[in-house]
C-alpha atoms as a PDB file:
ATOM      1  CA  MET A   1     -12.607   6.687 -13.870  1.00  0.00           C
ATOM      2  CA  ASP A   2     -10.972   6.551 -17.229  1.00  0.00           C
ATOM      3  CA  ASN A   3      -7.199   6.245 -17.574  1.00  0.00           C
ATOM      4  CA  ASP A   4      -6.625   9.904 -18.458  1.00  0.00           C
ATOM      5  CA  LEU A   5      -8.444  11.059 -15.313  1.00  0.00           C
ATOM      6  CA  LYS A   6      -6.547   8.471 -13.246  1.00  0.00           C
ATOM      7  CA  LYS A   7      -3.217   9.801 -14.584  1.00  0.00           C
ATOM      8  CA  LEU A   8      -4.234  13.363 -13.799  1.00  0.00           C
ATOM      9  CA  ALA A   9      -5.403  12.339 -10.315  1.00  0.00           C
ATOM     10  CA  ILE A  10      -2.117  10.564  -9.591  1.00  0.00           C
ATOM     11  CA  GLU A  11      -0.175  13.607 -10.817  1.00  0.00           C
ATOM     12  CA  LEU A  12      -2.200  15.908  -8.543  1.00  0.00           C
ATOM     13  CA  SER A  13      -1.667  13.527  -5.646  1.00  0.00           C
ATOM     14  CA  GLU A  14       2.094  13.300  -6.237  1.00  0.00           C
ATOM     15  CA  THR A  15       2.458  17.087  -6.479  1.00  0.00           C
ATOM     16  CA  GLY A  16       0.422  17.660  -3.305  1.00  0.00           C
ATOM     17  CA  GLU A  17      -2.424  19.516  -4.963  1.00  0.00           C
ATOM     18  CA  ALA A  18      -5.061  18.120  -2.652  1.00  0.00           C
ATOM     19  CA  LYS A  19      -7.763  20.731  -3.343  1.00  0.00           C
ATOM     20  CA  LYS A  20      -7.585  20.166  -7.094  1.00  0.00           C
ATOM     21  CA  LEU A  21      -7.447  16.418  -6.556  1.00  0.00           C
ATOM     22  CA  TYR A  22     -10.512  16.472  -4.315  1.00  0.00           C
ATOM     23  CA  LYS A  23     -12.448  18.536  -6.848  1.00  0.00           C
ATOM     24  CA  LEU A  24     -11.519  16.063  -9.575  1.00  0.00           C
ATOM     25  CA  ILE A  25     -12.322  12.865  -7.686  1.00  0.00           C
ATOM     26  CA  LYS A  26     -15.340  14.032  -5.624  1.00  0.00           C
ATOM     27  CA  PRO A  27     -17.923  12.782  -8.155  1.00  0.00           C
ATOM     28  CA  PHE A  28     -16.172   9.406  -8.194  1.00  0.00           C
ATOM     29  CA  ILE A  29     -16.020   9.291  -4.397  1.00  0.00           C
ATOM     30  CA  ASP A  30     -19.778   9.873  -4.383  1.00  0.00           C
ATOM     31  CA  VAL A  31     -20.311   6.739  -6.515  1.00  0.00           C
ATOM     32  CA  GLU A  32     -17.774   4.765  -4.442  1.00  0.00           C
ATOM     33  CA  ASP A  33     -15.204   4.309  -7.186  1.00  0.00           C
ATOM     34  CA  PRO A  34     -12.425   2.262  -5.533  1.00  0.00           C
ATOM     35  CA  PHE A  35      -9.598   4.150  -7.298  1.00  0.00           C
ATOM     36  CA  ALA A  36     -10.959   7.520  -6.139  1.00  0.00           C
ATOM     37  CA  ILE A  37     -11.655   6.163  -2.655  1.00  0.00           C
ATOM     38  CA  ASN A  38      -8.041   5.004  -2.368  1.00  0.00           C
ATOM     39  CA  LEU A  39      -6.743   8.445  -3.327  1.00  0.00           C
ATOM     40  CA  TYR A  40      -9.163  10.086  -0.923  1.00  0.00           C
ATOM     41  CA  SER A  41      -7.727   7.962   1.875  1.00  0.00           C
ATOM     42  CA  THR A  42      -4.374   9.765   1.516  1.00  0.00           C
ATOM     43  CA  PHE A  43      -5.288  13.337   2.384  1.00  0.00           C
ATOM     44  CA  SER A  44      -7.438  15.733   4.358  1.00  0.00           C
ATOM     45  CA  LEU A  45      -8.208  19.377   3.668  1.00  0.00           C
ATOM     46  CA  LYS A  46      -8.190  22.293   6.095  1.00  0.00           C
ATOM     47  CA  GLU A  47     -11.801  22.929   5.183  1.00  0.00           C
ATOM     48  CA  PHE A  48     -12.764  19.500   6.558  1.00  0.00           C
ATOM     49  CA  ARG A  49     -11.625  20.530  10.049  1.00  0.00           C
ATOM     50  CA  GLU A  50     -10.837  16.881  10.537  1.00  0.00           C
ATOM     51  CA  PRO A  51      -8.826  16.044  13.662  1.00  0.00           C
ATOM     52  CA  ASP A  52      -5.884  13.700  13.065  1.00  0.00           C
ATOM     53  CA  GLU A  53      -7.569  10.754  14.779  1.00  0.00           C
ATOM     54  CA  VAL A  54     -10.718  11.210  12.656  1.00  0.00           C
ATOM     55  CA  PHE A  55      -8.608  11.369   9.496  1.00  0.00           C
ATOM     56  CA  ALA A  56      -6.719   8.241  10.538  1.00  0.00           C
ATOM     57  CA  LYS A  57      -9.951   6.269  11.057  1.00  0.00           C
ATOM     58  CA  ARG A  58     -11.391   7.525   7.771  1.00  0.00           C
ATOM     59  CA  SER A  59      -8.195   6.676   5.962  1.00  0.00           C
ATOM     60  CA  ILE A  60      -8.122   3.095   7.236  1.00  0.00           C
ATOM     61  CA  LYS A  61     -11.799   2.571   6.427  1.00  0.00           C
ATOM     62  CA  LEU A  62     -11.300   3.868   2.887  1.00  0.00           C
ATOM     63  CA  LYS A  63      -8.125   1.833   2.288  1.00  0.00           C
ATOM     64  CA  ILE A  64      -9.923  -1.316   3.426  1.00  0.00           C
ATOM     65  CA  TYR A  65     -12.771  -0.592   1.006  1.00  0.00           C
ATOM     66  CA  ALA A  66     -10.392   0.092  -1.879  1.00  0.00           C
ATOM     67  CA  SER A  67      -8.358  -3.036  -1.082  1.00  0.00           C
ATOM     68  CA  GLU A  68     -11.474  -5.192  -1.031  1.00  0.00           C
ATOM     69  CA  HIS A  69     -12.470  -3.745  -4.377  1.00  0.00           C
ATOM     70  CA  GLY A  70      -9.257  -4.557  -6.223  1.00  0.00           C
ATOM     71  CA  ILE A  71      -6.881  -1.628  -5.638  1.00  0.00           C
ATOM     72  CA  PRO A  72      -3.367  -3.056  -5.131  1.00  0.00           C
ATOM     73  CA  ASP A  73      -1.929   0.132  -3.625  1.00  0.00           C
ATOM     74  CA  ALA A  74      -4.594   0.104  -0.911  1.00  0.00           C
ATOM     75  CA  SER A  75      -3.839  -3.533  -0.104  1.00  0.00           C
ATOM     76  CA  TYR A  76      -0.131  -2.767   0.107  1.00  0.00           C
ATOM     77  CA  ARG A  77      -0.661   0.272   2.322  1.00  0.00           C
ATOM     78  CA  MET A  78      -2.945  -1.689   4.633  1.00  0.00           C
ATOM     79  CA  GLY A  79      -0.278  -4.393   4.892  1.00  0.00           C
ATOM     80  CA  VAL A  80       2.273  -1.785   5.875  1.00  0.00           C
ATOM     81  CA  SER A  81      -0.164  -0.245   8.388  1.00  0.00           C
ATOM     82  CA  TYR A  82      -0.650  -3.610  10.095  1.00  0.00           C
ATOM     83  CA  LEU A  83       3.044  -4.539   9.891  1.00  0.00           C
ATOM     84  CA  TYR A  84       4.056  -1.417  11.814  1.00  0.00           C
ATOM     85  CA  GLY A  85       0.860  -0.688  13.765  1.00  0.00           C
ATOM     86  CA  ASP A  86       0.209   2.607  11.965  1.00  0.00           C
ATOM     87  CA  ASP A  87      -3.343   3.711  12.921  1.00  0.00           C
ATOM     88  CA  VAL A  88      -4.304   0.058  13.569  1.00  0.00           C
ATOM     89  CA  THR A  89      -3.368  -2.537  16.157  1.00  0.00           C
ATOM     90  CA  GLN A  90      -0.182  -4.147  14.924  1.00  0.00           C
ATOM     91  CA  SER A  91      -0.872  -7.606  13.561  1.00  0.00           C
ATOM     92  CA  TYR A  92       1.431  -9.731  11.479  1.00  0.00           C
ATOM     93  CA  ASN A  93      -1.469 -11.965  10.417  1.00  0.00           C
ATOM     94  CA  GLU A  94      -3.440  -8.974   9.113  1.00  0.00           C
ATOM     95  CA  ALA A  95      -0.309  -7.578   7.436  1.00  0.00           C
ATOM     96  CA  ALA A  96       0.295 -10.905   5.711  1.00  0.00           C
ATOM     97  CA  LYS A  97      -3.332 -11.057   4.546  1.00  0.00           C
ATOM     98  CA  TYR A  98      -3.112  -7.633   2.923  1.00  0.00           C
ATOM     99  CA  PHE A  99       0.363  -8.267   1.473  1.00  0.00           C
ATOM    100  CA  GLU A 100      -0.824 -11.535  -0.069  1.00  0.00           C
ATOM    101  CA  ARG A 101      -3.839  -9.712  -1.506  1.00  0.00           C
ATOM    102  CA  ALA A 102      -1.615  -6.966  -2.946  1.00  0.00           C
ATOM    103  CA  ILE A 103       0.636  -9.582  -4.533  1.00  0.00           C
ATOM    104  CA  SER A 104      -2.358 -11.339  -6.074  1.00  0.00           C
ATOM    105  CA  GLN A 105      -3.530  -7.942  -7.356  1.00  0.00           C
ATOM    106  CA  GLY A 106      -0.176  -7.455  -9.114  1.00  0.00           C
ATOM    107  CA  HIS A 107       1.631  -5.027  -6.776  1.00  0.00           C
ATOM    108  CA  THR A 108       5.327  -5.697  -7.420  1.00  0.00           C
ATOM    109  CA  HIS A 109       6.704  -3.549  -4.608  1.00  0.00           C
ATOM    110  CA  THR A 110       4.808  -5.721  -2.129  1.00  0.00           C
ATOM    111  CA  LYS A 111       6.941  -8.675  -3.212  1.00  0.00           C
ATOM    112  CA  PHE A 112       9.993  -6.714  -2.061  1.00  0.00           C
ATOM    113  CA  THR A 113       8.449  -5.494   1.192  1.00  0.00           C
ATOM    114  CA  PHE A 114       6.846  -8.755   2.194  1.00  0.00           C
ATOM    115  CA  GLY A 115       9.768 -10.819   0.927  1.00  0.00           C
ATOM    116  CA  PHE A 116      12.165  -8.761   3.056  1.00  0.00           C
ATOM    117  CA  SER A 117       9.861  -9.086   6.031  1.00  0.00           C
ATOM    118  CA  LEU A 118       9.605 -12.860   5.645  1.00  0.00           C
ATOM    119  CA  TYR A 119      13.306 -13.376   4.968  1.00  0.00           C
ATOM    120  CA  TYR A 120      14.476 -11.529   8.069  1.00  0.00           C
ATOM    121  CA  GLY A 121      11.386 -11.742  10.279  1.00  0.00           C
ATOM    122  CA  THR A 122      10.045  -8.798  12.262  1.00  0.00           C
ATOM    123  CA  ASP A 123       8.732  -8.850  15.823  1.00  0.00           C
ATOM    124  CA  ASP A 124       5.913 -11.440  15.647  1.00  0.00           C
ATOM    125  CA  ASN A 125       6.589 -12.144  11.998  1.00  0.00           C
ATOM    126  CA  PRO A 126       8.202 -15.582  11.789  1.00  0.00           C
ATOM    127  CA  ILE A 127      11.143 -16.048   9.461  1.00  0.00           C
ATOM    128  CA  ASP A 128      10.307 -17.861   6.205  1.00  0.00           C
ATOM    129  CA  ARG A 129      13.509 -17.652   4.189  1.00  0.00           C
ATOM    130  CA  VAL A 130      12.234 -19.807   1.310  1.00  0.00           C
ATOM    131  CA  ARG A 131       9.118 -17.714   0.646  1.00  0.00           C
ATOM    132  CA  GLY A 132      10.960 -14.465   1.408  1.00  0.00           C
ATOM    133  CA  LEU A 133      13.748 -15.235  -0.999  1.00  0.00           C
ATOM    134  CA  ALA A 134      11.287 -16.294  -3.714  1.00  0.00           C
ATOM    135  CA  LEU A 135       9.390 -13.007  -3.375  1.00  0.00           C
ATOM    136  CA  LEU A 136      12.629 -10.976  -3.412  1.00  0.00           C
ATOM    137  CA  GLU A 137      13.697 -12.807  -6.585  1.00  0.00           C
ATOM    138  CA  GLU A 138      10.307 -12.147  -8.226  1.00  0.00           C
ATOM    139  CA  ALA A 139      10.553  -8.476  -7.298  1.00  0.00           C
ATOM    140  CA  ALA A 140      14.093  -8.266  -8.676  1.00  0.00           C
ATOM    141  CA  LEU A 141      13.002  -9.879 -11.937  1.00  0.00           C
ATOM    142  CA  ALA A 142      10.198  -7.290 -12.154  1.00  0.00           C
ATOM    143  CA  GLY A 143      12.803  -4.498 -11.853  1.00  0.00           C
ATOM    144  CA  SER A 144      12.853  -3.662  -8.143  1.00  0.00           C
ATOM    145  CA  GLU A 145      16.234  -2.091  -7.406  1.00  0.00           C
ATOM    146  CA  GLY A 146      15.661  -2.577  -3.684  1.00  0.00           C
ATOM    147  CA  ALA A 147      15.144  -6.298  -4.202  1.00  0.00           C
ATOM    148  CA  LYS A 148      18.196  -6.543  -6.449  1.00  0.00           C
ATOM    149  CA  ASN A 149      20.306  -4.817  -3.817  1.00  0.00           C
ATOM    150  CA  GLU A 150      18.945  -6.991  -1.003  1.00  0.00           C
ATOM    151  CA  LEU A 151      19.653 -10.162  -2.983  1.00  0.00           C
ATOM    152  CA  GLU A 152      23.270  -9.011  -3.347  1.00  0.00           C
ATOM    153  CA  VAL A 153      23.480  -8.520   0.417  1.00  0.00           C
ATOM    154  CA  ILE A 154      21.990 -11.967   1.006  1.00  0.00           C
ATOM    155  CA  LYS A 155      24.421 -13.503  -1.468  1.00  0.00           C
ATOM    156  CA  THR A 156      27.396 -12.043   0.401  1.00  0.00           C
ATOM    157  CA  GLU A 157      26.044 -13.335   3.750  1.00  0.00           C
ATOM    158  CA  THR A 158      25.742 -16.947   2.587  1.00  0.00           C
END
């Protein structure tokens, strides 16, 4: 997909125009374009008559494919899915794997999310304040307001 089509696809996705989005990306889905596959993982259409559990399985399968083929957003969303057990069995190790992949793919928001998770720990997620703080600082330097705010909170706690 060229950049103009990607921009249009993102706009359609953000405005909830799923039918138009599907029509636009369908030829790219057919050739397994990772960007289109990732977008396709985010919606279902009435015409599909797809039960929620079928959509959830399809969505996970498509996000995994997109993640493995270089789409940072898919890697991030898989990390979140595993962190909270959304449509998958909750697994900190799997979450960490996908978050690390997203970071290596250049997804700045993952640095905030994963950094926060590491700094404070969550359920089975062990605390790693050094790595968590480093990721929060990187996210703040990249412009993440959430990371900047969290660093202020941390500063007042210490």
